[in-house]
Protein backbone atom coordinates (compact mmCIF):
# COMPACT_ATOMS: atom_id res chain seq x y z
CA MET A 1 -20.78 -15.30 -49.64
CA THR A 2 -20.51 -14.66 -45.90
CA ILE A 3 -17.04 -14.46 -44.35
CA ARG A 4 -16.81 -15.09 -40.62
CA ALA A 5 -13.94 -14.74 -38.19
CA VAL A 6 -13.15 -17.96 -36.35
CA VAL A 7 -10.55 -18.92 -33.75
CA LYS A 8 -7.85 -20.96 -35.48
CA GLY A 9 -5.37 -21.26 -32.65
CA VAL A 10 -4.82 -20.34 -29.00
CA GLY A 11 -1.55 -19.81 -27.20
CA HIS A 12 -0.29 -18.68 -23.83
CA TYR A 13 2.96 -18.14 -22.01
CA LEU A 14 3.83 -17.88 -18.32
CA PRO A 15 7.20 -16.80 -16.90
CA GLU A 16 9.23 -19.56 -15.31
CA ARG A 17 9.45 -18.07 -11.81
CA VAL A 18 6.53 -19.28 -9.67
CA VAL A 19 5.69 -17.29 -6.51
CA PRO A 20 3.25 -19.04 -4.13
CA ASN A 21 1.11 -17.16 -1.62
CA SER A 22 3.42 -18.35 1.15
CA GLU A 23 6.03 -15.81 0.05
CA PHE A 24 3.63 -12.95 0.86
CA VAL A 25 2.89 -14.38 4.32
CA ALA A 26 6.46 -13.54 5.32
CA LEU A 27 6.03 -9.92 4.18
CA VAL A 28 2.55 -8.89 5.37
CA ASP A 29 -0.08 -10.04 7.86
CA THR A 30 -2.00 -12.45 5.63
CA SER A 31 -2.36 -16.15 4.88
CA ASP A 32 -2.70 -18.47 1.91
CA GLU A 33 -6.34 -19.16 2.82
CA TRP A 34 -7.14 -15.43 3.14
CA ILE A 35 -5.70 -14.68 -0.32
CA ARG A 36 -7.33 -17.67 -2.03
CA SER A 37 -10.76 -17.08 -0.49
CA ARG A 38 -10.87 -13.48 -1.75
CA SER A 39 -9.01 -13.65 -5.05
CA GLY A 40 -8.89 -17.31 -6.03
CA ILE A 41 -5.13 -16.91 -6.59
CA GLU A 42 -2.87 -19.71 -5.38
CA ARG A 43 0.37 -18.65 -7.05
CA ARG A 44 1.77 -16.08 -9.42
CA HIS A 45 4.30 -16.14 -12.22
CA PHE A 46 6.84 -13.31 -12.03
CA ALA A 47 8.65 -12.13 -15.15
CA ALA A 48 12.41 -12.52 -15.14
CA GLU A 49 14.78 -9.56 -14.92
CA GLY A 50 14.64 -7.71 -18.23
CA GLN A 51 11.67 -9.74 -19.52
CA THR A 52 9.13 -7.32 -21.01
CA THR A 53 5.44 -7.42 -21.88
CA ALA A 54 6.40 -7.69 -25.55
CA ASP A 55 8.60 -10.71 -24.78
CA LEU A 56 5.70 -12.46 -23.04
CA GLY A 57 3.31 -11.56 -25.84
CA THR A 58 5.70 -12.83 -28.51
CA LYS A 59 5.99 -16.22 -26.78
CA ALA A 60 2.19 -16.49 -26.52
CA ALA A 61 1.76 -15.47 -30.17
CA GLN A 62 4.28 -18.07 -31.30
CA ALA A 63 2.36 -20.74 -29.38
CA ALA A 64 -0.93 -19.60 -30.99
CA LEU A 65 0.59 -19.74 -34.48
CA ALA A 66 1.92 -23.24 -33.83
CA ASP A 67 -1.51 -24.33 -32.56
CA ALA A 68 -3.14 -22.98 -35.72
CA GLY A 69 -0.49 -24.38 -38.07
CA LEU A 70 0.23 -20.89 -39.41
CA THR A 71 3.29 -18.68 -39.82
CA ALA A 72 3.87 -14.99 -39.17
CA ASP A 73 3.38 -14.24 -42.88
CA ASP A 74 -0.22 -15.48 -42.61
CA ILE A 75 -1.14 -12.75 -40.10
CA ASP A 76 -2.75 -9.50 -41.25
CA ALA A 77 -2.98 -7.66 -37.92
CA ILE A 78 -1.90 -7.80 -34.29
CA ILE A 79 -4.04 -6.20 -31.57
CA VAL A 80 -2.65 -6.18 -28.02
CA ALA A 81 -4.89 -5.40 -25.03
CA THR A 82 -2.67 -4.38 -22.11
CA SER A 83 -2.33 -1.89 -19.28
CA THR A 84 1.42 -2.59 -18.91
CA ALA A 85 2.89 -1.77 -22.30
CA ASP A 86 6.68 -1.38 -22.30
CA PHE A 87 6.54 2.06 -23.95
CA THR A 88 3.98 4.56 -25.08
CA PHE A 89 5.77 4.50 -28.43
CA PRO A 90 6.53 2.14 -30.07
CA SER A 91 3.46 0.13 -29.14
CA CYS A 92 3.71 -3.32 -27.59
CA ALA A 93 1.90 -4.75 -30.63
CA THR A 94 4.54 -3.48 -33.07
CA MET A 95 7.28 -4.94 -30.87
CA ILE A 96 5.54 -8.32 -30.97
CA GLN A 97 5.17 -7.88 -34.72
CA ALA A 98 8.93 -7.42 -34.97
CA GLY A 99 9.55 -10.34 -32.61
CA LEU A 100 7.52 -12.65 -34.84
CA GLY A 101 9.40 -11.49 -37.91
CA MET A 102 6.30 -10.13 -39.65
CA THR A 103 7.03 -8.06 -42.76
CA ARG A 104 3.45 -7.10 -43.57
CA GLY A 105 0.18 -6.14 -41.88
CA PHE A 106 -0.40 -3.66 -39.03
CA ALA A 107 -0.36 -3.67 -35.22
CA PHE A 108 -1.71 -1.49 -32.42
CA ASP A 109 -2.40 -1.52 -28.66
CA VAL A 110 -5.71 -1.21 -26.82
CA GLN A 111 -4.81 0.03 -23.33
CA ALA A 112 -6.81 0.15 -20.13
CA VAL A 113 -4.62 3.07 -19.08
CA CYS A 114 -6.98 5.37 -20.98
CA ALA A 115 -9.54 4.81 -18.22
CA GLY A 116 -6.81 5.02 -15.58
CA PHE A 117 -5.59 8.33 -16.97
CA ALA A 118 -9.13 9.73 -16.95
CA PHE A 119 -9.65 8.61 -13.33
CA ALA A 120 -6.34 10.04 -12.10
CA LEU A 121 -6.73 13.29 -14.05
CA THR A 122 -10.23 13.75 -12.62
CA ALA A 123 -8.96 13.18 -9.07
CA TYR A 124 -6.09 15.66 -9.40
CA LEU A 125 -8.36 18.30 -10.94
CA LEU A 126 -10.84 17.88 -8.08
CA TRP A 127 -8.00 18.27 -5.57
CA GLY A 128 -6.83 21.32 -7.49
CA PHE A 129 -10.21 23.02 -7.07
CA LEU A 130 -10.52 21.97 -3.39
CA PRO A 131 -9.03 25.26 -2.03
CA LEU A 132 -12.01 27.16 -3.45
CA TYR A 133 -14.38 24.92 -1.48
CA MET A 134 -12.34 25.16 1.71
CA LYS A 135 -12.10 28.94 1.37
CA ALA A 136 -15.91 29.05 1.36
CA LEU A 137 -15.69 27.38 4.79
CA ALA A 138 -13.20 29.93 6.17
CA HIS A 139 -15.76 31.29 8.65
CA ILE A 140 -16.28 27.83 10.19
CA PRO A 141 -13.74 26.52 12.77
CA THR A 142 -11.13 24.20 11.30
CA LEU A 143 -11.87 21.32 13.67
CA GLU A 144 -15.58 21.42 12.83
CA VAL A 145 -14.74 21.26 9.12
CA LEU A 146 -12.35 18.36 9.78
CA ALA A 147 -14.99 16.51 11.81
CA HIS A 148 -17.53 16.78 9.01
CA ARG A 149 -14.97 15.67 6.40
CA VAL A 150 -14.81 12.42 8.36
CA ILE A 151 -18.50 12.09 9.27
CA TRP A 152 -19.86 12.50 5.74
CA SER A 153 -17.06 10.48 4.12
CA VAL A 154 -18.21 7.33 5.93
CA PRO A 155 -21.61 6.83 4.20
CA ILE A 156 -20.17 7.76 0.79
CA ALA A 157 -17.27 5.32 1.17
CA LEU A 158 -19.59 2.53 2.37
CA VAL A 159 -21.93 3.01 -0.59
CA ILE A 160 -19.01 2.90 -3.03
CA LEU A 161 -17.66 -0.26 -1.39
CA ALA A 162 -21.10 -1.88 -1.58
CA VAL A 163 -21.37 -1.05 -5.28
CA LEU A 164 -17.88 -2.49 -5.89
CA GLY A 165 -18.69 -5.58 -3.81
CA ARG A 166 -15.78 -5.02 -1.42
CA THR A 167 -17.57 -4.93 1.93
CA ALA A 168 -16.37 -8.43 2.90
CA ASP A 169 -12.75 -7.23 2.90
CA LEU A 170 -13.73 -4.37 5.20
CA MET A 171 -15.50 -6.70 7.66
CA THR A 172 -12.44 -8.96 7.74
CA ALA A 173 -10.20 -5.98 8.45
CA LEU A 174 -12.44 -4.82 11.30
CA ARG A 175 -11.91 -8.22 12.99
CA ASN A 176 -8.12 -8.15 12.58
CA PRO A 177 -6.40 -6.39 15.55
CA ARG A 178 -3.09 -5.95 13.74
CA MET A 179 -4.74 -4.43 10.70
CA LEU A 180 -6.79 -2.13 12.92
CA ALA A 181 -3.61 -0.96 14.65
CA MET A 182 -1.94 -0.19 11.32
CA ALA A 183 -5.07 1.57 10.06
CA ALA A 184 -5.18 3.63 13.26
CA ILE A 185 -1.70 4.98 12.43
CA THR A 186 -2.65 5.93 8.88
CA ALA A 187 -5.96 7.39 10.07
CA ALA A 188 -4.16 9.59 12.61
CA LEU A 189 -1.68 10.83 10.00
CA ILE A 190 -4.29 11.62 7.34
CA SER A 191 -6.53 13.41 9.85
CA VAL A 192 -3.65 15.67 10.89
CA ASN A 193 -2.83 16.27 7.22
CA TRP A 194 -6.44 17.20 6.45
CA GLY A 195 -6.60 19.51 9.44
CA ILE A 196 -3.40 21.37 8.51
CA TYR A 197 -4.56 21.70 4.92
CA VAL A 198 -7.98 23.12 5.89
CA TRP A 199 -6.35 25.57 8.32
CA SER A 200 -3.80 26.69 5.72
CA ILE A 201 -6.50 27.53 3.17
CA GLN A 202 -8.72 29.24 5.72
CA THR A 203 -5.93 31.43 7.12
CA GLY A 204 -4.19 32.54 3.92
CA HIS A 205 -1.38 29.96 3.72
CA ALA A 206 -2.45 28.21 0.52
CA LEU A 207 0.86 29.08 -1.15
CA GLU A 208 2.73 27.25 1.59
CA ALA A 209 0.36 24.29 1.19
CA ALA A 210 1.24 24.16 -2.51
CA LEU A 211 4.93 24.14 -1.60
CA GLY A 212 4.36 21.21 0.76
CA TYR A 213 2.58 19.13 -1.86
CA TYR A 214 5.29 19.91 -4.41
CA ILE A 215 7.90 18.54 -2.00
CA ASN A 216 5.87 15.36 -1.27
CA PRO A 217 7.25 13.08 -4.01
CA LEU A 218 10.84 14.02 -3.19
CA PHE A 219 10.27 13.34 0.51
CA SER A 220 8.80 9.93 -0.39
CA VAL A 221 12.02 9.11 -2.27
CA PHE A 222 14.02 10.26 0.76
CA LEU A 223 11.93 8.05 3.07
CA GLY A 224 12.53 5.08 0.81
CA ALA A 225 16.28 5.62 1.08
CA VAL A 226 16.27 6.05 4.87
CA LEU A 227 13.68 3.49 5.97
CA ILE A 228 13.96 0.68 3.43
CA LYS A 229 17.47 1.40 2.17
CA GLU A 230 16.50 2.07 -1.45
CA ARG A 231 19.47 3.27 -3.50
CA LEU A 232 19.17 6.84 -4.77
CA SER A 233 20.25 7.76 -8.26
CA THR A 234 22.40 10.82 -8.87
CA ALA A 235 19.36 12.66 -10.23
CA GLN A 236 17.31 11.83 -7.14
CA LYS A 237 20.08 13.02 -4.82
CA LEU A 238 20.34 16.27 -6.76
CA ALA A 239 16.55 16.77 -6.67
CA ILE A 240 16.40 16.19 -2.90
CA GLY A 241 19.35 18.55 -2.43
CA LEU A 242 17.60 21.32 -4.38
CA ALA A 243 14.38 20.84 -2.39
CA THR A 244 16.35 21.06 0.87
CA ALA A 245 18.08 24.20 -0.38
CA ALA A 246 14.69 25.73 -1.22
CA VAL A 247 13.36 25.14 2.31
CA LEU A 248 16.56 26.47 3.94
CA PHE A 249 16.60 29.54 1.68
CA LEU A 250 12.95 30.32 2.40
CA THR A 251 13.55 29.90 6.14
CA TRP A 252 16.52 32.29 5.97
CA GLN A 253 14.70 34.91 3.92
CA VAL A 254 11.33 34.83 5.67
CA GLY A 255 12.76 34.38 9.16
CA HIS A 256 10.85 31.26 10.14
CA VAL A 257 10.53 27.62 9.09
CA PRO A 258 7.71 26.97 6.55
CA VAL A 259 5.81 24.93 9.13
CA VAL A 260 2.69 24.37 7.04
CA ALA A 261 4.64 23.09 4.02
CA LEU A 262 6.85 20.77 6.09
CA SER A 263 3.93 19.52 8.19
CA LEU A 264 1.92 18.60 5.09
CA THR A 265 4.98 16.94 3.57
CA LEU A 266 5.79 14.92 6.69
CA THR A 267 2.25 13.78 7.45
CA TRP A 268 1.47 12.81 3.85
CA GLY A 269 4.88 11.17 3.33
CA PHE A 270 4.58 8.95 6.39
CA TYR A 271 0.91 8.31 5.61
CA ALA A 272 1.82 7.02 2.14
CA TYR A 273 4.65 4.92 3.61
CA PHE A 274 2.46 3.20 6.22
CA LYS A 275 -0.45 2.95 3.77
CA LYS A 276 1.65 0.70 1.54
CA MET A 277 2.11 -1.66 4.49
CA LEU A 278 -1.64 -1.93 5.06
CA PRO A 279 -2.65 -5.30 3.50
CA ILE A 280 -5.99 -4.11 2.13
CA GLY A 281 -7.21 -2.39 -1.03
CA PRO A 282 -7.06 1.44 -1.19
CA ASN A 283 -10.84 1.92 -1.18
CA GLN A 284 -11.30 -0.48 1.72
CA GLY A 285 -8.35 1.13 3.52
CA PHE A 286 -9.81 4.63 3.20
CA THR A 287 -13.18 3.41 4.48
CA LEU A 288 -11.51 1.68 7.42
CA GLU A 289 -9.63 4.89 8.28
CA VAL A 290 -12.70 7.13 8.34
CA ILE A 291 -14.64 4.52 10.35
CA LEU A 292 -11.87 4.58 12.98
CA LEU A 293 -11.95 8.39 13.00
CA LEU A 294 -15.76 8.54 13.14
CA PRO A 295 -16.17 8.27 16.98
CA PHE A 296 -13.77 11.21 17.49
CA ALA A 297 -15.46 13.27 14.77
CA LEU A 298 -18.94 12.59 16.15
CA GLY A 299 -17.74 13.29 19.68
CA TYR A 300 -16.36 16.68 18.68
CA ALA A 301 -19.51 17.55 16.68
CA ILE A 302 -21.79 16.64 19.62
CA TRP A 303 -19.56 18.50 22.09
CA GLY A 304 -19.61 21.62 19.89
CA ALA A 305 -23.40 21.44 19.54
CA ALA A 306 -23.84 21.05 23.31
CA ARG A 307 -21.75 24.17 23.88
CA GLY A 308 -23.70 26.10 21.27
CA GLU A 309 -20.59 26.61 19.16
CA ALA A 310 -21.34 24.31 16.24
CA MET A 311 -22.48 25.88 12.97
CA PHE A 312 -23.98 22.66 11.59
CA MET A 313 -27.80 22.85 11.72
CA ALA A 314 -27.49 25.97 13.89
CA SER A 315 -26.74 28.70 11.36
CA ALA A 316 -27.49 29.46 7.71
CA PRO A 317 -28.63 26.43 5.64
CA ALA A 318 -25.70 27.09 3.30
CA ASN A 319 -23.25 26.29 6.12
CA THR A 320 -24.95 22.96 6.80
CA ALA A 321 -24.91 22.10 3.10
CA LEU A 322 -21.23 23.02 2.79
CA LEU A 323 -20.29 20.88 5.81
CA MET A 324 -22.24 17.89 4.46
CA GLY A 325 -20.51 18.39 1.11
CA CYS A 326 -17.15 17.92 2.83
CA GLY A 327 -17.72 14.18 2.59
CA VAL A 328 -18.09 14.35 -1.18
CA VAL A 329 -15.00 16.51 -1.76
CA THR A 330 -12.99 14.26 0.57
CA ALA A 331 -14.05 10.72 -0.34
CA VAL A 332 -14.81 10.96 -4.06
CA PRO A 333 -11.40 12.23 -5.31
CA LEU A 334 -9.51 9.73 -3.14
CA MET A 335 -11.55 6.76 -4.32
CA ILE A 336 -11.44 7.87 -7.96
CA TYR A 337 -7.67 8.17 -7.67
CA ALA A 338 -7.39 4.72 -6.09
CA ASN A 339 -9.12 3.15 -9.09
CA GLY A 340 -7.02 5.11 -11.57
CA ALA A 341 -3.60 4.64 -10.00
CA LYS A 342 -3.69 0.85 -10.31
CA LEU A 343 -4.08 1.19 -14.10
CA LEU A 344 -1.22 3.65 -14.63
CA ARG A 345 2.53 3.50 -14.70
CA LEU A 346 4.47 5.16 -11.90
CA SER A 347 6.01 7.60 -14.39
CA THR A 348 2.56 8.75 -15.53
CA ILE A 349 1.39 9.25 -11.94
CA GLY A 350 4.66 11.07 -11.25
CA ILE A 351 3.78 13.69 -13.86
CA LEU A 352 0.06 13.95 -13.09
CA GLN A 353 0.62 14.50 -9.36
CA TYR A 354 1.90 18.03 -10.01
CA ILE A 355 -1.48 19.16 -11.34
CA ALA A 356 -3.04 19.70 -7.89
CA PRO A 357 -0.21 21.74 -6.28
CA THR A 358 0.09 23.80 -9.48
CA MET A 359 -3.62 24.64 -9.33
CA ILE A 360 -3.31 25.44 -5.61
CA PHE A 361 -0.33 27.68 -6.39
CA LEU A 362 -2.20 29.56 -9.13
CA THR A 363 -5.30 29.89 -6.95
CA ALA A 364 -3.27 31.22 -4.01
CA VAL A 365 -1.47 33.85 -6.10
CA PHE A 366 -4.11 34.98 -8.58
CA TRP A 367 -7.41 34.27 -6.77
CA PHE A 368 -6.65 34.59 -3.07
CA GLY A 369 -4.02 37.30 -3.63
CA GLU A 370 -1.42 35.80 -1.28
CA PRO A 371 2.00 37.54 -1.37
CA PHE A 372 4.53 36.05 -3.78
CA ASP A 373 7.77 37.92 -3.16
CA SER A 374 11.25 37.28 -4.54
CA ALA A 375 12.17 34.88 -1.72
CA ARG A 376 9.16 32.66 -2.39
CA MET A 377 9.79 32.90 -6.14
CA ILE A 378 13.36 31.63 -5.76
CA ALA A 379 12.21 28.84 -3.42
CA PHE A 380 9.55 27.68 -5.88
CA LEU A 381 12.03 27.87 -8.79
CA LEU A 382 14.38 25.58 -6.86
CA ILE A 383 11.52 23.17 -6.14
CA TRP A 384 10.39 23.19 -9.78
CA ALA A 385 13.96 22.51 -10.93
CA ALA A 386 14.16 19.61 -8.47
CA LEU A 387 10.87 18.18 -9.71
CA ALA A 388 11.95 18.52 -13.35
CA ILE A 389 15.13 16.54 -12.60
CA TYR A 390 13.21 13.92 -10.60
CA THR A 391 10.46 13.49 -13.20
CA THR A 392 12.95 13.21 -16.06
CA SER A 393 14.82 10.47 -14.20
CA LEU A 394 11.51 8.72 -13.47
CA VAL A 395 10.51 8.70 -17.14
CA ARG A 396 13.94 7.50 -18.24
CA GLN A 397 13.85 4.72 -15.64
CA ALA A 398 10.42 3.60 -16.88
CA ARG A 399 11.74 3.38 -20.44
CA ALA A 400 14.96 1.59 -19.52
C-alpha cells in the first residue's frame, strides 16, 4: 500500500495595518509606479506593536486547520520556514505548537538565516584578512592603490549585478539627478574611508584602524540620537561614555588625537547614515558609487602614468596583479555582506561585526609588530567594555 502526502487545507493571515506605497513617497524619493514596476508590490501589511512571527504563524495555522476540518490533535509535526524567528531558542515552530494547544508531535524551524550567517561571516573574515593584502601594497603610493580599488571594482560589480538581474535599477538611478547627488555624497565618504584605511595599513597604523572600526557601531548609535532623535538606553549612554573616555585617555597618554581611528569612524559612520537614505539596493548602490568615482580614479591613473610615476604596467608583473586584485578584495566582501545582512537580525550582525577589527588588531600586534603599550591596552579595554555593554543590550532588546 502506497501512502502519499496530500494538501488537506491551506490558511493564511495578514496583519490588519495596511501600508500603501504612498506612505514611502513621503519618506524617500520614489513613486508608487516605480515601486510597483520593479517589485510588483502595491501595499504591505505591517504587524501590530508586540505582534510576533509566532502570532502570525498561529493565526495562519488555525485557518489551515479550519480549512481542512482538522484539530490540533490531528497534527504530527510543525515545520516553520522563516528568516525572522522571534528567538533562536525556543523555535518559532514550538511557539506555534503551544499557541495551537498541541500536546503531541514535534516542531522545528528551517531558517534562511543559515545562508545569511554564512554570507556575513565570509565577508567579515575577508575584511579581517584585508590588512595582509594591503601590506603587500605598502611600496605602492596610497592614491594609486585607492584608484585601482575603484577601477577594478566597477567590472566586478557590473558582472554581479547582471547575474542578479539588477541592472535595470542601476540604469534608473543613473537617470535620477537626486539619487545621483545622494550617491555622490556616499561615494565621496567611502573613498576617503578607503584611502585612510590603505594609508594606515601601509604606514604602520593598523592598530589605530582597528580602534576606529571598534568604535564604529557606537558612533552610529550616537548619530542616531543626534540626527534623528533616537532615544538612547542607559546601556547605550554608558557604552558611548566609555568609548569617549577611551579616546580622551589615549589622546592624553600619547600626546595627540588618534586621527586615523576617528577619521575612519567619522567617514564610515556618516557613510552608513547617508547610505540608508539612498533609495536603492545595497549592491546597486555600491555599483553606482564606484561608477561615480571611476572618472576620478581613471584620471589619476592616467596622470600618474603620463608622469612616469605609476607602478601599474610599469614595474614588476606582481605589482600589476596586486593592483588589479584590489577590485576583488574591495567589491566581493561588500556585495557578499549586502546579501547576508538582509537575512540576519540586527543583534546577529552586531556581534559578527567585531570579527574584522579583532582580526586587524591581532594582525597589527602579532604579525606587523606594532607597539601595544599600557596606554593603548587601557584604551582598548575601555572600548571592549563599551562594546560588551552595547552588544548585551542589543541582544536583550532583540529578545524583548
